[in-house]
Amino acid sequence: GFSEPQYVVRIDSSNAEVIVGPQSALNTYDFEISNVNWLGDLPFEGE
């Protein structure tokens, strides 16, 4: 019953909820990562 396709955009495990929205809601520009394994030549540090 939606005018445009719906996608899963987030999953809330604490409330057992599946949040859906249009494709535009899936666009991601920035995020954080953990447990980095760095294989570059210079140290992985600094701002």
All heavy atoms as atom14 arrays in JSON, in Angstrom:
{
  "sequence": "GFSEPQYVVRIDSSNAEVIVGPQSALNTYDFEISNVNWLGDLPFEGE",
  "atom14_mask": [
    [1, 1, 1, 1, 0, 0, 0, 0, 0, 0, 0, 0, 0, 0],
    [1, 1, 1, 1, 1, 1, 1, 1, 1, 1, 1, 0, 0, 0],
    [1, 1, 1, 1, 1, 1, 0, 0, 0, 0, 0, 0, 0, 0],
    [1, 1, 1, 1, 1, 1, 1, 1, 1, 0, 0, 0, 0, 0],
    [1, 1, 1, 1, 1, 1, 1, 0, 0, 0, 0, 0, 0, 0],
    [1, 1, 1, 1, 1, 1, 1, 1, 1, 0, 0, 0, 0, 0],
    [1, 1, 1, 1, 1, 1, 1, 1, 1, 1, 1, 1, 0, 0],
    [1, 1, 1, 1, 1, 1, 1, 0, 0, 0, 0, 0, 0, 0],
    [1, 1, 1, 1, 1, 1, 1, 0, 0, 0, 0, 0, 0, 0],
    [1, 1, 1, 1, 1, 1, 1, 1, 1, 1, 1, 0, 0, 0],
    [1, 1, 1, 1, 1, 1, 1, 1, 0, 0, 0, 0, 0, 0],
    [1, 1, 1, 1, 1, 1, 1, 1, 0, 0, 0, 0, 0, 0],
    [1, 1, 1, 1, 1, 1, 0, 0, 0, 0, 0, 0, 0, 0],
    [1, 1, 1, 1, 1, 1, 0, 0, 0, 0, 0, 0, 0, 0],
    [1, 1, 1, 1, 1, 1, 1, 1, 0, 0, 0, 0, 0, 0],
    [1, 1, 1, 1, 1, 0, 0, 0, 0, 0, 0, 0, 0, 0],
    [1, 1, 1, 1, 1, 1, 1, 1, 1, 0, 0, 0, 0, 0],
    [1, 1, 1, 1, 1, 1, 1, 0, 0, 0, 0, 0, 0, 0],
    [1, 1, 1, 1, 1, 1, 1, 1, 0, 0, 0, 0, 0, 0],
    [1, 1, 1, 1, 1, 1, 1, 0, 0, 0, 0, 0, 0, 0],
    [1, 1, 1, 1, 0, 0, 0, 0, 0, 0, 0, 0, 0, 0],
    [1, 1, 1, 1, 1, 1, 1, 0, 0, 0, 0, 0, 0, 0],
    [1, 1, 1, 1, 1, 1, 1, 1, 1, 0, 0, 0, 0, 0],
    [1, 1, 1, 1, 1, 1, 0, 0, 0, 0, 0, 0, 0, 0],
    [1, 1, 1, 1, 1, 0, 0, 0, 0, 0, 0, 0, 0, 0],
    [1, 1, 1, 1, 1, 1, 1, 1, 0, 0, 0, 0, 0, 0],
    [1, 1, 1, 1, 1, 1, 1, 1, 0, 0, 0, 0, 0, 0],
    [1, 1, 1, 1, 1, 1, 1, 0, 0, 0, 0, 0, 0, 0],
    [1, 1, 1, 1, 1, 1, 1, 1, 1, 1, 1, 1, 0, 0],
    [1, 1, 1, 1, 1, 1, 1, 1, 0, 0, 0, 0, 0, 0],
    [1, 1, 1, 1, 1, 1, 1, 1, 1, 1, 1, 0, 0, 0],
    [1, 1, 1, 1, 1, 1, 1, 1, 1, 0, 0, 0, 0, 0],
    [1, 1, 1, 1, 1, 1, 1, 1, 0, 0, 0, 0, 0, 0],
    [1, 1, 1, 1, 1, 1, 0, 0, 0, 0, 0, 0, 0, 0],
    [1, 1, 1, 1, 1, 1, 1, 1, 0, 0, 0, 0, 0, 0],
    [1, 1, 1, 1, 1, 1, 1, 0, 0, 0, 0, 0, 0, 0],
    [1, 1, 1, 1, 1, 1, 1, 1, 0, 0, 0, 0, 0, 0],
    [1, 1, 1, 1, 1, 1, 1, 1, 1, 1, 1, 1, 1, 1],
    [1, 1, 1, 1, 1, 1, 1, 1, 0, 0, 0, 0, 0, 0],
    [1, 1, 1, 1, 0, 0, 0, 0, 0, 0, 0, 0, 0, 0],
    [1, 1, 1, 1, 1, 1, 1, 1, 0, 0, 0, 0, 0, 0],
    [1, 1, 1, 1, 1, 1, 1, 1, 0, 0, 0, 0, 0, 0],
    [1, 1, 1, 1, 1, 1, 1, 0, 0, 0, 0, 0, 0, 0],
    [1, 1, 1, 1, 1, 1, 1, 1, 1, 1, 1, 0, 0, 0],
    [1, 1, 1, 1, 1, 1, 1, 1, 1, 0, 0, 0, 0, 0],
    [1, 1, 1, 1, 0, 0, 0, 0, 0, 0, 0, 0, 0, 0],
    [1, 1, 1, 1, 1, 1, 1, 1, 1, 0, 0, 0, 0, 0]
  ],
  "atom14_positions": [
    [[0.78, -1.22, 0.0], [0.0, 0.0, 0.0], [0.82, 1.27, 0.0], [0.31, 2.33, 0.41], [0.0, 0.0, 0.0], [0.0, 0.0, 0.0], [0.0, 0.0, 0.0], [0.0, 0.0, 0.0], [0.0, 0.0, 0.0], [0.0, 0.0, 0.0], [0.0, 0.0, 0.0], [0.0, 0.0, 0.0], [0.0, 0.0, 0.0], [0.0, 0.0, 0.0]],
    [[2.07, 1.22, -0.45], [2.95, 2.39, -0.44], [3.14, 2.91, -1.87], [3.14, 2.15, -2.83], [4.3, 2.06, 0.18], [4.21, 1.68, 1.64], [4.03, 0.36, 2.0], [4.28, 2.65, 2.62], [3.93, 0.0, 3.33], [4.18, 2.3, 3.95], [4.0, 0.97, 4.32], [0.0, 0.0, 0.0], [0.0, 0.0, 0.0], [0.0, 0.0, 0.0]],
    [[3.32, 4.21, -1.99], [3.51, 4.82, -3.31], [4.9, 4.54, -3.86], [5.12, 4.66, -5.06], [3.3, 6.34, -3.22], [4.21, 6.92, -2.29], [0.0, 0.0, 0.0], [0.0, 0.0, 0.0], [0.0, 0.0, 0.0], [0.0, 0.0, 0.0], [0.0, 0.0, 0.0], [0.0, 0.0, 0.0], [0.0, 0.0, 0.0], [0.0, 0.0, 0.0]],
    [[5.85, 4.17, -3.0], [7.2, 3.81, -3.43], [7.69, 2.62, -2.62], [7.23, 2.38, -1.5], [8.16, 4.99, -3.29], [8.27, 5.55, -1.89], [9.21, 6.75, -1.84], [10.29, 6.68, -2.44], [8.86, 7.74, -1.18], [0.0, 0.0, 0.0], [0.0, 0.0, 0.0], [0.0, 0.0, 0.0], [0.0, 0.0, 0.0], [0.0, 0.0, 0.0]],
    [[8.61, 1.83, -3.18], [9.08, 0.63, -2.48], [9.65, 0.96, -1.1], [10.27, 2.01, -0.9], [10.17, 0.09, -3.41], [9.83, 0.64, -4.75], [9.24, 1.99, -4.5], [0.0, 0.0, 0.0], [0.0, 0.0, 0.0], [0.0, 0.0, 0.0], [0.0, 0.0, 0.0], [0.0, 0.0, 0.0], [0.0, 0.0, 0.0], [0.0, 0.0, 0.0]],
    [[9.46, 0.05, -0.16], [9.97, 0.2, 1.19], [11.12, -0.78, 1.42], [11.09, -1.92, 0.95], [8.86, -0.05, 2.22], [7.7, 0.93, 2.12], [8.09, 2.34, 2.5], [8.44, 2.61, 3.65], [8.06, 3.25, 1.53], [0.0, 0.0, 0.0], [0.0, 0.0, 0.0], [0.0, 0.0, 0.0], [0.0, 0.0, 0.0], [0.0, 0.0, 0.0]],
    [[12.12, -0.32, 2.18], [13.3, -1.12, 2.46], [13.55, -1.15, 3.97], [13.15, -0.23, 4.69], [14.54, -0.52, 1.78], [14.45, -0.44, 0.28], [13.74, 0.59, -0.35], [15.1, -1.38, -0.51], [13.68, 0.67, -1.73], [15.05, -1.3, -1.9], [14.33, -0.28, -2.51], [14.27, -0.2, -3.87], [0.0, 0.0, 0.0], [0.0, 0.0, 0.0]],
    [[14.25, -2.18, 4.41], [14.68, -2.21, 5.81], [15.83, -1.21, 5.95], [16.85, -1.34, 5.28], [15.16, -3.61, 6.23], [15.72, -3.58, 7.66], [14.03, -4.62, 6.13], [0.0, 0.0, 0.0], [0.0, 0.0, 0.0], [0.0, 0.0, 0.0], [0.0, 0.0, 0.0], [0.0, 0.0, 0.0], [0.0, 0.0, 0.0], [0.0, 0.0, 0.0]],
    [[15.64, -0.19, 6.8], [16.69, 0.82, 6.98], [17.38, 0.69, 8.34], [18.48, 1.22, 8.53], [16.13, 2.24, 6.81], [15.59, 2.44, 5.42], [15.05, 2.55, 7.85], [0.0, 0.0, 0.0], [0.0, 0.0, 0.0], [0.0, 0.0, 0.0], [0.0, 0.0, 0.0], [0.0, 0.0, 0.0], [0.0, 0.0, 0.0], [0.0, 0.0, 0.0]],
    [[16.74, 0.01, 9.27], [17.38, -0.2, 10.57], [16.69, -1.34, 11.28], [15.51, -1.63, 11.04], [17.29, 1.08, 11.42], [18.08, 1.01, 12.74], [18.3, 2.43, 13.31], [17.05, 3.07, 13.69], [16.5, 2.98, 14.9], [17.07, 2.25, 15.83], [15.38, 3.62, 15.17], [0.0, 0.0, 0.0], [0.0, 0.0, 0.0], [0.0, 0.0, 0.0]],
    [[17.42, -2.02, 12.16], [16.88, -3.11, 12.97], [17.15, -2.8, 14.43], [18.31, -2.63, 14.83], [17.49, -4.47, 12.58], [17.17, -4.79, 11.12], [16.98, -5.57, 13.5], [17.85, -6.03, 10.59], [0.0, 0.0, 0.0], [0.0, 0.0, 0.0], [0.0, 0.0, 0.0], [0.0, 0.0, 0.0], [0.0, 0.0, 0.0], [0.0, 0.0, 0.0]],
    [[16.12, -2.7, 15.22], [16.22, -2.39, 16.65], [16.02, -3.68, 17.42], [14.9, -4.11, 17.68], [15.15, -1.36, 17.03], [15.23, -0.94, 18.5], [16.02, -1.56, 19.25], [14.5, -0.02, 18.88], [0.0, 0.0, 0.0], [0.0, 0.0, 0.0], [0.0, 0.0, 0.0], [0.0, 0.0, 0.0], [0.0, 0.0, 0.0], [0.0, 0.0, 0.0]],
    [[17.12, -4.33, 17.79], [17.04, -5.62, 18.46], [16.45, -5.52, 19.86], [15.77, -6.44, 20.32], [18.42, -6.27, 18.52], [19.33, -5.45, 19.25], [0.0, 0.0, 0.0], [0.0, 0.0, 0.0], [0.0, 0.0, 0.0], [0.0, 0.0, 0.0], [0.0, 0.0, 0.0], [0.0, 0.0, 0.0], [0.0, 0.0, 0.0], [0.0, 0.0, 0.0]],
    [[16.7, -4.4, 20.55], [16.21, -4.27, 21.92], [14.69, -4.25, 21.99], [14.09, -4.71, 22.97], [16.77, -2.99, 22.56], [16.37, -1.85, 21.82], [0.0, 0.0, 0.0], [0.0, 0.0, 0.0], [0.0, 0.0, 0.0], [0.0, 0.0, 0.0], [0.0, 0.0, 0.0], [0.0, 0.0, 0.0], [0.0, 0.0, 0.0], [0.0, 0.0, 0.0]],
    [[14.05, -3.72, 20.93], [12.58, -3.67, 20.89], [12.0, -4.63, 19.85], [10.79, -4.61, 19.61], [12.11, -2.25, 20.58], [12.45, -1.28, 21.68], [12.18, -1.53, 22.86], [13.08, -0.16, 21.32], [0.0, 0.0, 0.0], [0.0, 0.0, 0.0], [0.0, 0.0, 0.0], [0.0, 0.0, 0.0], [0.0, 0.0, 0.0], [0.0, 0.0, 0.0]],
    [[12.85, -5.46, 19.24], [12.43, -6.41, 18.22], [11.68, -5.71, 17.1], [10.68, -6.23, 16.57], [11.59, -7.54, 18.82], [0.0, 0.0, 0.0], [0.0, 0.0, 0.0], [0.0, 0.0, 0.0], [0.0, 0.0, 0.0], [0.0, 0.0, 0.0], [0.0, 0.0, 0.0], [0.0, 0.0, 0.0], [0.0, 0.0, 0.0], [0.0, 0.0, 0.0]],
    [[12.15, -4.54, 16.72], [11.49, -3.76, 15.68], [12.32, -3.74, 14.39], [13.55, -3.64, 14.43], [11.26, -2.32, 16.12], [10.11, -2.15, 17.09], [9.79, -0.69, 17.36], [10.67, 0.16, 17.1], [8.68, -0.39, 17.85], [0.0, 0.0, 0.0], [0.0, 0.0, 0.0], [0.0, 0.0, 0.0], [0.0, 0.0, 0.0], [0.0, 0.0, 0.0]],
    [[11.61, -3.82, 13.27], [12.22, -3.66, 11.95], [11.72, -2.34, 11.4], [10.51, -2.16, 11.21], [11.85, -4.82, 11.01], [12.4, -4.57, 9.61], [12.37, -6.14, 11.55], [0.0, 0.0, 0.0], [0.0, 0.0, 0.0], [0.0, 0.0, 0.0], [0.0, 0.0, 0.0], [0.0, 0.0, 0.0], [0.0, 0.0, 0.0], [0.0, 0.0, 0.0]],
    [[12.62, -1.38, 11.17], [12.23, -0.05, 10.7], [12.4, 0.01, 9.2], [13.48, -0.33, 8.68], [13.05, 1.05, 11.39], [12.83, 1.03, 12.9], [12.71, 2.42, 10.84], [13.77, 0.16, 13.68], [0.0, 0.0, 0.0], [0.0, 0.0, 0.0], [0.0, 0.0, 0.0], [0.0, 0.0, 0.0], [0.0, 0.0, 0.0], [0.0, 0.0, 0.0]],
    [[11.38, 0.43, 8.49], [11.43, 0.49, 7.03], [11.22, 1.92, 6.55], [10.69, 2.77, 7.28], [10.36, -0.44, 6.4], [10.57, -1.87, 6.83], [8.95, 0.03, 6.75], [0.0, 0.0, 0.0], [0.0, 0.0, 0.0], [0.0, 0.0, 0.0], [0.0, 0.0, 0.0], [0.0, 0.0, 0.0], [0.0, 0.0, 0.0], [0.0, 0.0, 0.0]],
    [[11.64, 2.17, 5.32], [11.49, 3.49, 4.73], [11.83, 3.45, 3.26], [12.19, 2.39, 2.72], [0.0, 0.0, 0.0], [0.0, 0.0, 0.0], [0.0, 0.0, 0.0], [0.0, 0.0, 0.0], [0.0, 0.0, 0.0], [0.0, 0.0, 0.0], [0.0, 0.0, 0.0], [0.0, 0.0, 0.0], [0.0, 0.0, 0.0], [0.0, 0.0, 0.0]],
    [[11.74, 4.6, 2.58], [12.08, 4.65, 1.15], [13.57, 4.45, 0.93], [14.38, 4.54, 1.87], [11.64, 6.06, 0.75], [11.75, 6.85, 2.01], [11.34, 5.91, 3.11], [0.0, 0.0, 0.0], [0.0, 0.0, 0.0], [0.0, 0.0, 0.0], [0.0, 0.0, 0.0], [0.0, 0.0, 0.0], [0.0, 0.0, 0.0], [0.0, 0.0, 0.0]],
    [[13.95, 4.21, -0.3], [15.36, 3.95, -0.61], [16.26, 5.1, -0.2], [17.4, 4.89, 0.2], [15.51, 3.66, -2.1], [16.91, 3.19, -2.48], [17.04, 2.89, -3.96], [16.81, 3.76, -4.8], [17.38, 1.65, -4.29], [0.0, 0.0, 0.0], [0.0, 0.0, 0.0], [0.0, 0.0, 0.0], [0.0, 0.0, 0.0], [0.0, 0.0, 0.0]],
    [[15.75, 6.33, -0.28], [16.57, 7.49, 0.09], [17.03, 7.42, 1.54], [18.06, 7.99, 1.9], [15.79, 8.78, -0.15], [14.59, 8.8, 0.62], [0.0, 0.0, 0.0], [0.0, 0.0, 0.0], [0.0, 0.0, 0.0], [0.0, 0.0, 0.0], [0.0, 0.0, 0.0], [0.0, 0.0, 0.0], [0.0, 0.0, 0.0], [0.0, 0.0, 0.0]],
    [[16.27, 6.72, 2.4], [16.63, 6.61, 3.81], [17.83, 5.69, 4.03], [18.38, 5.62, 5.13], [15.44, 6.11, 4.62], [0.0, 0.0, 0.0], [0.0, 0.0, 0.0], [0.0, 0.0, 0.0], [0.0, 0.0, 0.0], [0.0, 0.0, 0.0], [0.0, 0.0, 0.0], [0.0, 0.0, 0.0], [0.0, 0.0, 0.0], [0.0, 0.0, 0.0]],
    [[18.23, 4.98, 2.98], [19.39, 4.09, 3.08], [20.7, 4.79, 2.76], [21.77, 4.24, 2.97], [19.22, 2.9, 2.12], [18.14, 1.88, 2.47], [17.95, 0.91, 1.31], [18.51, 1.12, 3.74], [0.0, 0.0, 0.0], [0.0, 0.0, 0.0], [0.0, 0.0, 0.0], [0.0, 0.0, 0.0], [0.0, 0.0, 0.0], [0.0, 0.0, 0.0]],
    [[20.62, 6.01, 2.24], [21.84, 6.74, 1.89], [22.68, 7.03, 3.13], [22.2, 7.61, 4.1], [21.5, 8.06, 1.21], [21.05, 7.87, -0.22], [21.38, 6.88, -0.86], [20.29, 8.83, -0.74], [0.0, 0.0, 0.0], [0.0, 0.0, 0.0], [0.0, 0.0, 0.0], [0.0, 0.0, 0.0], [0.0, 0.0, 0.0], [0.0, 0.0, 0.0]],
    [[23.93, 6.62, 3.09], [24.83, 6.82, 4.23], [26.07, 7.59, 3.77], [26.71, 7.22, 2.79], [25.26, 5.46, 4.82], [24.1, 4.72, 5.18], [26.15, 5.65, 6.04], [0.0, 0.0, 0.0], [0.0, 0.0, 0.0], [0.0, 0.0, 0.0], [0.0, 0.0, 0.0], [0.0, 0.0, 0.0], [0.0, 0.0, 0.0], [0.0, 0.0, 0.0]],
    [[26.39, 8.64, 4.51], [27.57, 9.46, 4.2], [28.71, 9.23, 5.18], [29.87, 9.4, 4.83], [27.2, 10.94, 4.21], [26.4, 11.4, 3.02], [25.01, 11.35, 3.03], [27.03, 11.88, 1.87], [24.27, 11.77, 1.94], [26.3, 12.3, 0.77], [24.92, 12.25, 0.81], [24.18, 12.66, -0.28], [0.0, 0.0, 0.0], [0.0, 0.0, 0.0]],
    [[28.38, 8.91, 6.43], [29.44, 8.71, 7.42], [29.01, 7.71, 8.48], [27.82, 7.54, 8.76], [29.85, 10.04, 8.06], [28.68, 10.75, 8.72], [28.44, 10.49, 9.91], [28.01, 11.55, 8.04], [0.0, 0.0, 0.0], [0.0, 0.0, 0.0], [0.0, 0.0, 0.0], [0.0, 0.0, 0.0], [0.0, 0.0, 0.0], [0.0, 0.0, 0.0]],
    [[29.99, 7.05, 9.04], [29.74, 6.03, 10.07], [31.06, 5.75, 10.77], [32.13, 6.2, 10.34], [29.18, 4.75, 9.45], [30.01, 4.19, 8.31], [31.01, 3.26, 8.55], [29.77, 4.62, 7.02], [31.77, 2.76, 7.5], [30.53, 4.12, 5.95], [31.52, 3.19, 6.19], [0.0, 0.0, 0.0], [0.0, 0.0, 0.0], [0.0, 0.0, 0.0]],
    [[30.99, 5.02, 11.86], [32.19, 4.66, 12.61], [32.5, 3.18, 12.46], [31.59, 2.37, 12.24], [32.04, 5.03, 14.09], [32.04, 6.53, 14.33], [32.11, 6.89, 15.81], [32.28, 5.97, 16.63], [32.0, 8.08, 16.12], [0.0, 0.0, 0.0], [0.0, 0.0, 0.0], [0.0, 0.0, 0.0], [0.0, 0.0, 0.0], [0.0, 0.0, 0.0]],
    [[33.76, 2.85, 12.58], [34.19, 1.46, 12.53], [35.06, 1.16, 13.76], [35.65, 2.06, 14.36], [34.98, 1.15, 11.25], [36.22, 2.04, 11.14], [34.1, 1.31, 10.02], [37.13, 1.67, 9.97], [0.0, 0.0, 0.0], [0.0, 0.0, 0.0], [0.0, 0.0, 0.0], [0.0, 0.0, 0.0], [0.0, 0.0, 0.0], [0.0, 0.0, 0.0]],
    [[35.12, -0.11, 14.1], [35.91, -0.55, 15.26], [36.83, -1.69, 14.86], [36.74, -2.22, 13.75], [34.98, -1.0, 16.39], [34.15, -2.08, 15.95], [0.0, 0.0, 0.0], [0.0, 0.0, 0.0], [0.0, 0.0, 0.0], [0.0, 0.0, 0.0], [0.0, 0.0, 0.0], [0.0, 0.0, 0.0], [0.0, 0.0, 0.0], [0.0, 0.0, 0.0]],
    [[37.72, -2.06, 15.78], [38.66, -3.17, 15.56], [39.43, -3.01, 14.24], [39.54, -3.95, 13.44], [37.93, -4.51, 15.58], [37.25, -4.78, 16.9], [36.02, -4.78, 16.99], [38.03, -4.99, 17.96], [0.0, 0.0, 0.0], [0.0, 0.0, 0.0], [0.0, 0.0, 0.0], [0.0, 0.0, 0.0], [0.0, 0.0, 0.0], [0.0, 0.0, 0.0]],
    [[39.96, -1.82, 14.04], [40.69, -1.53, 12.8], [41.99, -2.33, 12.73], [42.75, -2.4, 13.7], [41.0, -0.03, 12.7], [41.95, 0.25, 11.53], [39.71, 0.78, 12.54], [0.0, 0.0, 0.0], [0.0, 0.0, 0.0], [0.0, 0.0, 0.0], [0.0, 0.0, 0.0], [0.0, 0.0, 0.0], [0.0, 0.0, 0.0], [0.0, 0.0, 0.0]],
    [[42.23, -2.94, 11.59], [43.52, -3.57, 11.29], [44.17, -2.72, 10.22], [43.68, -2.63, 9.09], [43.34, -5.01, 10.8], [44.66, -5.67, 10.48], [45.58, -5.65, 11.29], [44.77, -6.26, 9.28], [0.0, 0.0, 0.0], [0.0, 0.0, 0.0], [0.0, 0.0, 0.0], [0.0, 0.0, 0.0], [0.0, 0.0, 0.0], [0.0, 0.0, 0.0]],
    [[45.28, -2.08, 10.54], [45.93, -1.13, 9.65], [47.16, -1.74, 9.03], [48.05, -2.25, 9.72], [46.29, 0.14, 10.41], [47.0, 1.19, 9.61], [48.28, 1.63, 9.79], [46.48, 1.94, 8.51], [48.58, 2.61, 8.87], [47.5, 2.82, 8.07], [45.25, 1.95, 7.84], [47.32, 3.7, 7.0], [45.07, 2.83, 6.78], [46.1, 3.69, 6.37]],
    [[47.25, -1.71, 7.69], [48.39, -2.28, 6.97], [49.16, -1.23, 6.19], [49.98, -1.57, 5.33], [47.88, -3.37, 6.0], [47.23, -4.6, 6.65], [46.64, -5.5, 5.58], [48.22, -5.36, 7.51], [0.0, 0.0, 0.0], [0.0, 0.0, 0.0], [0.0, 0.0, 0.0], [0.0, 0.0, 0.0], [0.0, 0.0, 0.0], [0.0, 0.0, 0.0]],
    [[48.9, 0.05, 6.48], [49.62, 1.11, 5.81], [51.02, 1.3, 6.36], [51.39, 0.72, 7.39], [0.0, 0.0, 0.0], [0.0, 0.0, 0.0], [0.0, 0.0, 0.0], [0.0, 0.0, 0.0], [0.0, 0.0, 0.0], [0.0, 0.0, 0.0], [0.0, 0.0, 0.0], [0.0, 0.0, 0.0], [0.0, 0.0, 0.0], [0.0, 0.0, 0.0]],
    [[51.82, 2.13, 5.69], [53.2, 2.34, 6.1], [53.32, 3.31, 7.28], [54.16, 3.12, 8.16], [54.02, 2.88, 4.91], [54.12, 1.86, 3.79], [54.13, 0.65, 4.09], [54.2, 2.27, 2.62], [0.0, 0.0, 0.0], [0.0, 0.0, 0.0], [0.0, 0.0, 0.0], [0.0, 0.0, 0.0], [0.0, 0.0, 0.0], [0.0, 0.0, 0.0]],
    [[52.48, 4.35, 7.29], [52.53, 5.33, 8.37], [51.65, 4.89, 9.53], [50.69, 4.14, 9.34], [52.08, 6.7, 7.86], [52.94, 7.3, 6.73], [52.32, 8.61, 6.26], [54.37, 7.52, 7.21], [0.0, 0.0, 0.0], [0.0, 0.0, 0.0], [0.0, 0.0, 0.0], [0.0, 0.0, 0.0], [0.0, 0.0, 0.0], [0.0, 0.0, 0.0]],
    [[51.94, 5.34, 10.75], [51.11, 4.97, 11.91], [49.66, 5.41, 11.74], [49.39, 6.45, 11.12], [51.79, 5.7, 13.07], [53.19, 5.95, 12.61], [53.1, 6.17, 11.14], [0.0, 0.0, 0.0], [0.0, 0.0, 0.0], [0.0, 0.0, 0.0], [0.0, 0.0, 0.0], [0.0, 0.0, 0.0], [0.0, 0.0, 0.0], [0.0, 0.0, 0.0]],
    [[48.75, 4.63, 12.28], [47.33, 4.95, 12.21], [46.98, 5.78, 13.45], [46.57, 5.26, 14.48], [46.5, 3.66, 12.17], [45.04, 3.88, 11.89], [44.61, 4.18, 10.61], [44.1, 3.78, 12.9], [43.26, 4.37, 10.33], [42.76, 3.98, 12.64], [42.33, 4.28, 11.36], [0.0, 0.0, 0.0], [0.0, 0.0, 0.0], [0.0, 0.0, 0.0]],
    [[47.17, 7.07, 13.33], [46.96, 7.94, 14.48], [46.82, 9.38, 14.02], [46.98, 9.7, 12.83], [48.15, 7.84, 15.45], [49.47, 8.25, 14.82], [50.66, 8.03, 15.74], [50.5, 7.3, 16.72], [51.74, 8.58, 15.45], [0.0, 0.0, 0.0], [0.0, 0.0, 0.0], [0.0, 0.0, 0.0], [0.0, 0.0, 0.0], [0.0, 0.0, 0.0]],
    [[46.48, 10.25, 14.97], [46.35, 11.67, 14.66], [44.96, 12.03, 14.22], [44.09, 11.17, 14.02], [0.0, 0.0, 0.0], [0.0, 0.0, 0.0], [0.0, 0.0, 0.0], [0.0, 0.0, 0.0], [0.0, 0.0, 0.0], [0.0, 0.0, 0.0], [0.0, 0.0, 0.0], [0.0, 0.0, 0.0], [0.0, 0.0, 0.0], [0.0, 0.0, 0.0]],
    [[44.73, 13.32, 14.03], [43.42, 13.82, 13.65], [43.3, 14.07, 12.15], [42.23, 14.41, 11.66], [43.1, 15.11, 14.41], [43.06, 14.92, 15.92], [42.75, 16.21, 16.65], [42.66, 17.25, 15.97], [42.6, 16.17, 17.88], [0.0, 0.0, 0.0], [0.0, 0.0, 0.0], [0.0, 0.0, 0.0], [0.0, 0.0, 0.0], [0.0, 0.0, 0.0]]
  ]
}
